[in-house]
Every structure is written in C-alpha cells, then in structure tokens.
Amino acid sequence: MEVMPGKPQPRAQQLKKEKKEQEHSHTPKAPEMDVKFPKSVCGTAETFSVLALVCPDQSYNMRFPLLVGTNVLRRLIQDCRKVGGDKYLSTLPIHTNWIAAYTACGEKLKTCNREGKAVPVRLCRKKPVIILKNDTCEVTGIRHTKVSGKGGKAILEEPERHAVPGALVVSKQLIQVKPRSHSKVKVVICNVSNHSVTLQPKRVIAECMLVDWVKAVKADMDSYSPNNPKTEDQLSTLAPSKNTSQDSPGDLNFENSPVSEELKSHIKSRINKEASKAFARHNLDVGHVSSVAHSIELVEHVPFIGCTRRISPTYFEDLRRHLQELLATGIIKESNSLYASPVVLVRKKNGDLRMVIDYRKLNNLTKKDAYPLPRRRRHSPCCQVQNISPSWT
C-alpha cells in the first residue's frame, strides 16, 4: 500500500497513542476527599470535596494530618456571611484560631482586582537572548503594574495567556514585589530541547501574581479533639449560636436569689430591654453600653505620644495573633489620634497574652473629680449572702 508523504502511517499513529496512554496511566491523580467542618469551630457546618495535602512531617500528624488551603477558607467565609452577615465573626460560634485565619484571608479578598490578576512579565533586553540547548539561563524581566501598600510576595510562573516556545520551561519562584509601577524581576528559564531558542526583546516570558498570605496561628492541638463533645461545647461558648437572639444577654441565674419570681421576671425583662449588649457572650466580647456618656476633662497641655516599650521577640507571634483577634471583633480599631500611650504585655496564669495600656501620663493630666465612693462595710450587712466580696479588675 502506498503512503502519501507527510501523513503518518495508521500503525504508527496507534503505537504513538498507546505510548501516550501508558505514560498517563502512571500519573498520580489529585488527592480529592470529603472534609467535614463542624459548626462549633468554623461557624458553619459544611462538607466540601476539596484537594487535601497529607503532611507526615508535622508533630501532630497522628491526630491532625490534614492541611487545607485558602480556597477552602474562602468558601467557608462565603457561607458564614450568608448566615451571619458582615459581622459573622462576632455573631457565629467561631474558634479563636479560625477567627484569625478568616481575618487574614478576608483582608486579602478586599484588595483591588488588578492585584488578583496575573501580570505579564516581559524580557527587559534591547537585544535578543539566545538560550543554548539543555541549558538554564537567568534573564531580567519587567512588570508594568503598580502594587498598593508596601508591596508583597508574588509567584512567578509560566504564562498561560501568552505563547512561549514549547522547549522552554519557566521555573516557579516566590519573589518580593516592590510598590512601584515598573519593577524588574529575575526569571529562570530552562531549554530542554536539542536546539537553541531565541527570545526577542519585550517578549512575554512569564506571569506574576500576588499570593494570599494567612499568618500562622499557634493552634492548641492538645486541647481540641473532634471526638470530645465537652471540648466542642466549650468552643461553642466563644460566640452566640445562630438561634440566640441578639437582644438577649444569655441565661441569667437567679436560683439562689431571695427575691420573688415576679421580681425576677421583671429584672430579666428590664435587662433584655435596656442592657442586652452589656453582657459578654464569649472571651472576645467586652460588652457595649451606649446609654451613658463619659468625658475625660484635661488641663491645658500639649498632646503627647508616649515612647513605645521594648517587646521581647518571643511575644511577636502571640501579639500579632492577639491584635488580629481584637481587630476582628471590633474591640480596637486603627486610629490617628494625637495621643498615644505605651503598651505593656503580661502573661496570664494560663499562658495567654494580655495587652495592657499604661495611662499614667494621661491620668496625671486629667482634672481631679472628688466623688465619694460607697463604703463596703456599710453596705455588706444589707446583703444576705455573706461569702461575696467585690473585686476590681
């Protein structure tokens, strides 16, 4: 049988197809599995089929050998917003570590769209670059997009929207991008063919895209177990449940009170009506009362900014996590005030970090207000319960 020139034989085509299928048969498939997230920890009870990475080199790999990426966090954040609204961090039962992860991931989602798109990197040379066969070359590329803020980390990889010679392989890199409209980056290109390849000036050789960072939080793996219902109940107390009314301060226990049932009911209704938000529901809730206004009157002075105190490097990670929690729950916010008092860090008995503000300089500038405080000894006989003593915190 005569074969036309330029067309492959049918037998050769079949052998080529079988060889290609044999090569792909040894390619491992992506490890996709169903992961269930408990509502008492993540704020929403969902089961996702996600790509998971099993890491055997972690210290807690026998109990928690699974790592999930920011794509899972984004889906959980969307579900939490549908249930709890924009303030889902304070209205849903979310664990402290997940609050920090949601906050860090949410900040990156608020960035502009141009930072979330891949930016082409072009060859920054006036003359063509020749890459020899089986050789690796480092060339200089330039990107023409300004990054907001102080810059950040970006991933450099092979472009998808622009064609690159098939014999060239661009090495993936994690680079630091400066906040400039034009920034130069180093691109490593490998020529895996048996012939030389020429790159023309201003040709697209790679793509650069900012990456999402979720700062690591030191999770207390020993204190949480998915099989321990008591621990899940403790975690659920970090925030009110979905069915809890926003106007209810929680369960008020009047069992040991000598007052009548009618008076107990009257007190509960008054509290629910006038001071429902004054009670803390979890560790990151300090309560809020807007019915009383308090003003601090100062003597004539010049606004001051106190010198910051030295912080031990061992406190950096705990302080960063604590600030994220306080920002996420609305306890603190960014300020441009003319007054600034130094921060003092102390450790609690359980090892957690407590942030204290030194207001001594501000107190020295306040006008003294002499107001008689009630004496404890005069009012203690009025109380029928004798084992109660007031304390100031």
Protein backbone atom coordinates (compact mmCIF):
# COMPACT_ATOMS: atom_id res chain seq x y z
CA MET A 1 0.00 0.00 0.00
CA GLU A 2 1.36 3.40 -0.95
CA VAL A 3 1.56 6.01 1.78
CA MET A 4 1.26 9.67 0.92
CA PRO A 5 4.24 11.76 2.07
CA GLY A 6 3.68 13.97 5.10
CA LYS A 7 0.99 11.72 6.64
CA PRO A 8 1.81 9.21 9.41
CA GLN A 9 1.00 5.54 8.93
CA PRO A 10 -2.07 4.22 10.79
CA ARG A 11 0.05 1.69 12.72
CA ALA A 12 2.50 4.39 13.82
CA GLN A 13 -0.41 6.55 14.92
CA GLN A 14 -1.81 3.72 17.04
CA LEU A 15 1.56 2.99 18.68
CA LYS A 16 2.00 6.65 19.47
CA LYS A 17 -1.46 6.78 21.08
CA GLU A 18 -0.82 3.63 23.15
CA LYS A 19 2.50 5.01 24.37
CA LYS A 20 0.84 8.28 25.40
CA GLU A 21 -1.90 6.43 27.32
CA GLN A 22 0.71 4.29 29.05
CA GLU A 23 2.59 7.37 30.19
CA HIS A 24 -0.57 8.99 31.56
CA SER A 25 -1.60 5.81 33.37
CA HIS A 26 1.31 6.25 35.82
CA THR A 27 0.40 9.85 36.57
CA PRO A 28 -0.96 10.11 40.13
CA LYS A 29 -4.39 11.65 40.49
CA ALA A 30 -5.11 14.63 42.69
CA PRO A 31 -5.90 13.59 46.30
CA GLU A 32 -9.53 14.72 46.49
CA MET A 33 -11.56 13.86 49.58
CA ASP A 34 -14.64 14.93 51.52
CA VAL A 35 -13.86 17.13 54.52
CA LYS A 36 -16.49 17.97 57.16
CA PHE A 37 -16.16 21.21 59.13
CA PRO A 38 -18.01 21.41 62.49
CA LYS A 39 -20.23 24.41 63.10
CA SER A 40 -18.99 24.88 66.67
CA VAL A 41 -15.49 25.64 65.36
CA CYS A 42 -15.83 27.13 61.87
CA GLY A 43 -19.19 28.88 62.23
CA THR A 44 -20.86 26.77 59.54
CA ALA A 45 -21.46 23.04 59.15
CA GLU A 46 -20.35 22.17 55.63
CA THR A 47 -18.88 19.16 53.85
CA PHE A 48 -16.62 20.02 50.92
CA SER A 49 -14.93 17.83 48.35
CA VAL A 50 -11.53 19.50 48.29
CA LEU A 51 -7.95 18.87 47.32
CA ALA A 52 -6.11 17.98 50.51
CA LEU A 53 -2.43 17.62 51.29
CA VAL A 54 -1.32 14.94 53.74
CA CYS A 55 1.81 16.04 55.60
CA PRO A 56 3.56 13.27 57.55
CA ASP A 57 6.30 15.53 58.88
CA GLN A 58 4.19 17.51 61.36
CA SER A 59 4.42 16.98 65.10
CA TYR A 60 0.66 16.40 65.39
CA ASN A 61 0.36 14.26 62.26
CA MET A 62 -1.10 11.29 64.16
CA ARG A 63 -4.20 13.30 65.13
CA PHE A 64 -4.49 16.11 62.55
CA PRO A 65 -2.63 15.08 59.37
CA LEU A 66 -4.67 17.28 57.02
CA LEU A 67 -3.87 20.74 55.65
CA VAL A 68 -6.36 22.80 53.64
CA GLY A 69 -5.69 25.91 51.58
CA THR A 70 -7.19 29.37 51.28
CA ASN A 71 -9.65 28.13 48.65
CA VAL A 72 -11.45 26.27 51.45
CA LEU A 73 -11.32 29.34 53.71
CA ARG A 74 -12.94 31.47 51.02
CA ARG A 75 -15.83 29.04 50.64
CA LEU A 76 -16.33 28.92 54.41
CA ILE A 77 -16.26 32.73 54.60
CA GLN A 78 -18.96 32.97 51.93
CA ASP A 79 -21.19 30.53 53.84
CA CYS A 80 -20.61 32.37 57.13
CA ARG A 81 -21.57 35.69 55.54
CA LYS A 82 -24.80 34.21 54.20
CA VAL A 83 -25.77 33.08 57.70
CA GLY A 84 -24.32 35.78 59.97
CA GLY A 85 -23.97 38.78 57.67
CA ASP A 86 -20.93 41.04 57.53
CA LYS A 87 -20.38 40.72 61.30
CA TYR A 88 -20.24 36.94 61.21
CA LEU A 89 -17.05 36.90 63.30
CA SER A 90 -18.95 38.14 66.35
CA THR A 91 -22.35 36.53 65.73
CA LEU A 92 -21.35 32.95 64.85
CA PRO A 93 -19.60 30.34 67.02
CA ILE A 94 -16.10 30.54 65.54
CA HIS A 95 -12.93 29.35 67.27
CA THR A 96 -10.20 31.89 68.01
CA ASN A 97 -7.73 30.33 65.58
CA TRP A 98 -10.32 30.34 62.79
CA ILE A 99 -11.15 33.99 63.52
CA ALA A 100 -7.51 34.89 62.87
CA ALA A 101 -7.49 32.83 59.66
CA TYR A 102 -10.77 34.36 58.41
CA THR A 103 -9.49 37.87 59.17
CA ALA A 104 -6.22 37.41 57.30
CA CYS A 105 -7.95 35.81 54.33
CA GLY A 106 -10.69 38.46 54.27
CA GLU A 107 -8.17 41.30 54.14
CA LYS A 108 -6.66 39.83 51.00
CA LEU A 109 -10.08 39.43 49.42
CA LYS A 110 -10.65 43.19 49.77
CA THR A 111 -7.66 44.08 47.61
CA CYS A 112 -8.28 45.50 44.16
CA ASN A 113 -8.94 43.19 41.25
CA ARG A 114 -5.83 44.15 39.38
CA GLU A 115 -3.69 42.71 42.14
CA GLY A 116 -5.57 39.44 41.86
CA LYS A 117 -4.85 39.05 38.14
CA ALA A 118 -1.74 37.68 36.55
CA VAL A 119 0.52 40.43 35.21
CA PRO A 120 2.72 39.65 32.19
CA VAL A 121 6.48 39.88 32.63
CA ARG A 122 8.37 40.93 29.51
CA LEU A 123 12.00 40.44 28.60
CA CYS A 124 13.98 43.54 29.60
CA ARG A 125 16.69 43.46 26.93
CA LYS A 126 17.46 45.55 23.86
CA LYS A 127 18.99 42.59 22.03
CA PRO A 128 17.70 39.04 21.53
CA VAL A 129 18.67 36.41 24.08
CA ILE A 130 19.85 33.01 22.84
CA ILE A 131 19.38 30.05 25.17
CA LEU A 132 21.53 27.07 24.20
CA LYS A 133 20.23 23.51 24.15
CA ASN A 134 19.89 21.77 27.53
CA ASP A 135 20.93 24.99 29.24
CA THR A 136 19.45 27.10 32.04
CA CYS A 137 19.57 30.87 31.78
CA GLU A 138 18.60 33.68 34.17
CA VAL A 139 17.17 36.73 32.41
CA THR A 140 15.74 40.03 33.62
CA GLY A 141 12.05 40.74 33.17
CA ILE A 142 9.94 43.81 33.86
CA ARG A 143 6.32 44.14 35.03
CA HIS A 144 4.24 47.30 34.44
CA THR A 145 1.67 47.31 37.25
CA LYS A 146 1.82 49.29 40.48
CA VAL A 147 1.30 47.42 43.74
CA SER A 148 -0.57 49.19 46.54
CA GLY A 149 0.80 49.44 50.05
CA LYS A 150 4.32 48.29 50.78
CA GLY A 151 4.38 45.57 48.15
CA GLY A 152 4.34 41.90 48.99
CA LYS A 153 5.12 38.39 47.87
CA ALA A 154 4.27 37.23 44.36
CA ILE A 155 4.57 33.97 42.46
CA LEU A 156 6.38 33.91 39.14
CA GLU A 157 5.38 31.13 36.75
CA GLU A 158 4.93 30.19 33.11
CA PRO A 159 2.40 32.40 31.28
CA GLU A 160 -0.96 30.95 30.29
CA ARG A 161 -2.36 33.72 28.10
CA HIS A 162 0.80 34.19 26.03
CA ALA A 163 2.54 31.56 23.96
CA VAL A 164 6.07 30.54 24.89
CA PRO A 165 8.24 28.20 22.80
CA GLY A 166 7.40 24.65 23.82
CA ALA A 167 11.02 23.82 24.51
CA LEU A 168 11.30 26.45 27.27
CA VAL A 169 10.35 25.79 30.88
CA VAL A 170 9.93 28.71 33.31
CA SER A 171 10.86 27.87 36.89
CA LYS A 172 8.28 28.83 39.51
CA GLN A 173 9.59 31.32 42.05
CA LEU A 174 8.35 33.27 45.04
CA ILE A 175 9.64 36.82 44.73
CA GLN A 176 9.34 40.12 46.58
CA VAL A 177 7.47 42.80 44.60
CA LYS A 178 8.16 46.46 45.33
CA PRO A 179 5.38 49.11 45.30
CA ARG A 180 6.42 50.65 42.00
CA SER A 181 4.78 50.97 38.61
CA HIS A 182 7.83 49.34 36.97
CA SER A 183 9.70 46.61 38.80
CA LYS A 184 12.36 44.24 37.49
CA VAL A 185 12.43 40.57 38.40
CA LYS A 186 14.77 37.67 37.71
CA VAL A 187 13.32 34.83 35.62
CA VAL A 188 14.97 31.40 35.36
CA ILE A 189 14.30 29.70 32.01
CA CYS A 190 15.42 26.20 31.04
CA ASN A 191 15.77 24.97 27.45
CA VAL A 192 15.01 21.22 27.40
CA SER A 193 15.27 20.82 23.62
CA ASN A 194 18.19 19.77 21.43
CA HIS A 195 18.42 23.12 19.66
CA SER A 196 18.91 26.74 20.62
CA VAL A 197 15.95 29.07 21.23
CA THR A 198 15.98 32.82 20.65
CA LEU A 199 13.90 35.23 22.73
CA GLN A 200 13.12 38.60 21.19
CA PRO A 201 13.12 41.83 23.24
CA LYS A 202 9.90 42.78 25.09
CA ARG A 203 8.50 39.29 24.66
CA VAL A 204 6.30 37.86 27.42
CA ILE A 205 8.34 35.25 29.25
CA ALA A 206 6.38 34.78 32.50
CA GLU A 207 3.40 35.87 34.58
CA CYS A 208 3.46 37.41 38.04
CA MET A 209 0.59 37.32 40.53
CA LEU A 210 0.36 38.35 44.18
CA VAL A 211 -0.23 35.50 46.57
CA ASP A 212 -2.60 35.33 49.55
CA TRP A 213 -0.95 35.01 52.93
CA VAL A 214 -2.59 33.59 56.03
CA LYS A 215 -0.37 34.15 59.02
CA ALA A 216 0.30 31.09 61.08
CA VAL A 217 -1.56 30.78 64.34
CA LYS A 218 -0.26 28.54 67.09
CA ALA A 219 -3.16 26.15 67.45
CA ASP A 220 -3.72 24.34 70.71
CA MET A 221 -3.98 20.87 69.24
CA ASP A 222 -3.93 19.14 72.62
CA SER A 223 -6.98 21.00 73.92
CA TYR A 224 -9.27 20.19 70.99
CA SER A 225 -10.46 16.81 69.85
CA PRO A 226 -13.28 16.18 67.38
CA ASN A 227 -14.39 13.18 69.43
CA ASN A 228 -14.67 15.13 72.68
CA PRO A 229 -18.18 16.66 72.96
CA LYS A 230 -17.21 18.58 76.08
CA THR A 231 -14.50 20.43 74.20
CA GLU A 232 -16.90 21.30 71.37
CA ASP A 233 -19.32 22.72 73.92
CA GLN A 234 -16.54 24.85 75.35
CA LEU A 235 -15.63 26.09 71.88
CA SER A 236 -19.26 26.90 71.12
CA THR A 237 -19.30 29.37 74.01
CA LEU A 238 -16.85 31.63 72.18
CA ALA A 239 -19.76 33.20 70.29
CA PRO A 240 -23.55 33.08 70.45
CA SER A 241 -25.30 30.42 68.44
CA LYS A 242 -27.48 31.12 65.46
CA ASN A 243 -30.69 30.67 67.41
CA THR A 244 -29.64 33.03 70.20
CA SER A 245 -31.39 36.37 69.99
CA GLN A 246 -29.19 39.40 69.62
CA ASP A 247 -31.25 41.21 72.27
CA SER A 248 -30.82 38.50 74.90
CA PRO A 249 -27.85 38.67 77.29
CA GLY A 250 -27.95 34.92 77.85
CA ASP A 251 -29.18 32.78 80.72
CA LEU A 252 -29.36 34.75 83.95
CA ASN A 253 -29.27 32.53 87.00
CA PHE A 254 -31.46 33.76 89.89
CA GLU A 255 -31.86 30.41 91.65
CA ASN A 256 -30.12 31.48 94.87
CA SER A 257 -31.73 34.90 94.92
CA PRO A 258 -34.28 35.50 97.72
CA VAL A 259 -36.44 37.79 95.56
CA SER A 260 -39.83 36.71 94.29
CA GLU A 261 -40.48 35.16 90.89
CA GLU A 262 -42.35 38.27 89.79
CA LEU A 263 -39.36 40.45 90.57
CA LYS A 264 -37.01 38.02 88.79
CA SER A 265 -39.14 38.21 85.66
CA HIS A 266 -39.23 42.00 85.91
CA ILE A 267 -35.42 42.20 86.22
CA LYS A 268 -34.89 39.92 83.23
CA SER A 269 -37.25 41.93 81.04
CA ARG A 270 -35.58 45.23 82.03
CA ILE A 271 -32.12 43.84 81.29
CA ASN A 272 -33.22 42.45 77.91
CA LYS A 273 -34.76 45.80 77.04
CA GLU A 274 -32.19 48.29 78.32
CA ALA A 275 -28.85 46.49 78.71
CA SER A 276 -28.92 43.45 76.46
CA LYS A 277 -25.49 44.14 74.95
CA ALA A 278 -23.79 44.89 78.25
CA PHE A 279 -23.09 41.22 78.95
CA ALA A 280 -20.10 39.45 77.40
CA ARG A 281 -21.02 36.31 75.47
CA HIS A 282 -17.51 34.94 74.89
CA ASN A 283 -13.86 35.66 75.63
CA LEU A 284 -13.54 38.21 72.83
CA ASP A 285 -16.71 40.12 73.75
CA VAL A 286 -16.38 43.02 76.21
CA GLY A 287 -19.99 44.16 76.06
CA HIS A 288 -21.29 47.54 74.95
CA VAL A 289 -23.44 50.18 76.65
CA SER A 290 -24.27 53.46 74.88
CA SER A 291 -26.77 54.88 77.38
CA VAL A 292 -24.07 56.57 79.48
CA ALA A 293 -21.59 59.12 78.08
CA HIS A 294 -18.27 59.64 79.83
CA SER A 295 -15.95 62.56 79.12
CA ILE A 296 -12.36 62.98 80.32
CA GLU A 297 -11.54 66.62 81.06
CA LEU A 298 -7.87 67.54 80.79
CA VAL A 299 -5.85 70.51 81.97
CA GLU A 300 -4.11 72.76 79.47
CA HIS A 301 -1.29 70.79 77.90
CA VAL A 302 0.33 69.76 74.65
CA PRO A 303 -0.84 66.43 73.14
CA PHE A 304 1.69 63.69 73.83
CA ILE A 305 2.78 60.44 72.25
CA GLY A 306 4.36 58.04 74.72
CA CYS A 307 7.50 56.15 73.80
CA THR A 308 6.95 52.54 72.88
CA ARG A 309 8.38 49.93 75.18
CA ARG A 310 10.65 47.17 74.05
CA ILE A 311 8.83 43.91 73.28
CA SER A 312 10.52 40.57 73.61
CA PRO A 313 10.88 38.71 70.28
CA THR A 314 9.17 35.71 71.89
CA TYR A 315 5.98 37.80 72.12
CA PHE A 316 5.84 38.79 68.44
CA GLU A 317 3.68 35.93 67.16
CA ASP A 318 1.32 35.97 70.15
CA LEU A 319 0.99 39.76 69.93
CA ARG A 320 0.26 39.64 66.20
CA ARG A 321 -2.41 37.00 66.75
CA HIS A 322 -3.93 38.92 69.67
CA LEU A 323 -4.16 42.12 67.63
CA GLN A 324 -5.87 40.26 64.79
CA GLU A 325 -8.45 38.89 67.22
CA LEU A 326 -9.12 42.34 68.74
CA LEU A 327 -9.46 43.94 65.29
CA ALA A 328 -11.75 41.18 64.05
CA THR A 329 -14.14 41.52 67.00
CA GLY A 330 -14.18 45.34 66.92
CA ILE A 331 -12.61 45.84 70.35
CA ILE A 332 -9.87 48.02 68.85
CA LYS A 333 -9.55 49.94 65.60
CA GLU A 334 -6.92 51.91 63.73
CA SER A 335 -6.55 55.48 64.97
CA ASN A 336 -4.72 58.68 64.03
CA SER A 337 -5.16 60.33 67.42
CA LEU A 338 -2.69 62.90 68.78
CA TYR A 339 -2.46 60.87 71.98
CA ALA A 340 -0.66 57.56 72.30
CA SER A 341 0.13 55.59 75.44
CA PRO A 342 2.61 52.71 75.56
CA VAL A 343 1.54 49.08 75.56
CA VAL A 344 2.62 46.69 78.30
CA LEU A 345 2.46 42.93 77.68
CA VAL A 346 1.97 40.48 80.52
CA ARG A 347 1.26 36.76 80.68
CA LYS A 348 -1.87 35.34 82.24
CA LYS A 349 -1.85 32.31 84.51
CA ASN A 350 -2.89 30.06 81.63
CA GLY A 351 -0.07 31.36 79.41
CA ASP A 352 -2.17 33.62 77.17
CA LEU A 353 -1.04 37.13 76.36
CA ARG A 354 -2.71 40.17 77.94
CA MET A 355 -2.24 43.62 76.45
CA VAL A 356 -2.34 46.47 78.99
CA ILE A 357 -2.18 50.21 78.25
CA ASP A 358 -0.12 52.47 80.52
CA TYR A 359 -2.35 55.52 81.03
CA ARG A 360 -0.37 57.05 83.91
CA LYS A 361 0.73 60.07 81.88
CA LEU A 362 -2.83 60.71 80.75
CA ASN A 363 -4.12 60.33 84.31
CA ASN A 364 -1.69 63.00 85.51
CA LEU A 365 -3.25 65.46 83.05
CA THR A 366 -6.87 64.79 83.99
CA LYS A 367 -8.83 67.12 86.24
CA LYS A 368 -9.41 65.57 89.62
CA ASP A 369 -13.03 64.73 90.30
CA ALA A 370 -13.66 64.16 94.00
CA TYR A 371 -16.60 61.81 94.24
CA PRO A 372 -17.36 59.88 97.43
CA LEU A 373 -17.28 56.13 96.90
CA PRO A 374 -19.60 53.94 98.99
CA ARG A 375 -18.01 52.05 101.86
CA ARG A 376 -18.14 48.30 101.60
CA ARG A 377 -18.57 47.74 105.35
CA ARG A 378 -21.65 49.94 105.40
CA HIS A 379 -23.42 48.05 102.62
CA SER A 380 -22.29 44.47 103.31
CA PRO A 381 -24.83 43.91 106.17
CA CYS A 382 -27.61 44.59 103.69
CA CYS A 383 -26.61 41.53 101.68
CA GLN A 384 -27.97 38.24 102.98
CA VAL A 385 -25.21 36.27 101.24
CA GLN A 386 -22.05 36.59 103.34
CA ASN A 387 -19.50 34.96 101.01
CA ILE A 388 -19.45 37.73 98.40
CA SER A 389 -16.59 40.21 98.21
CA PRO A 390 -16.17 42.82 95.46
CA SER A 391 -13.01 42.90 93.38
CA TRP A 392 -11.60 45.38 90.88
CA THR A 393 -10.08 44.17 87.60
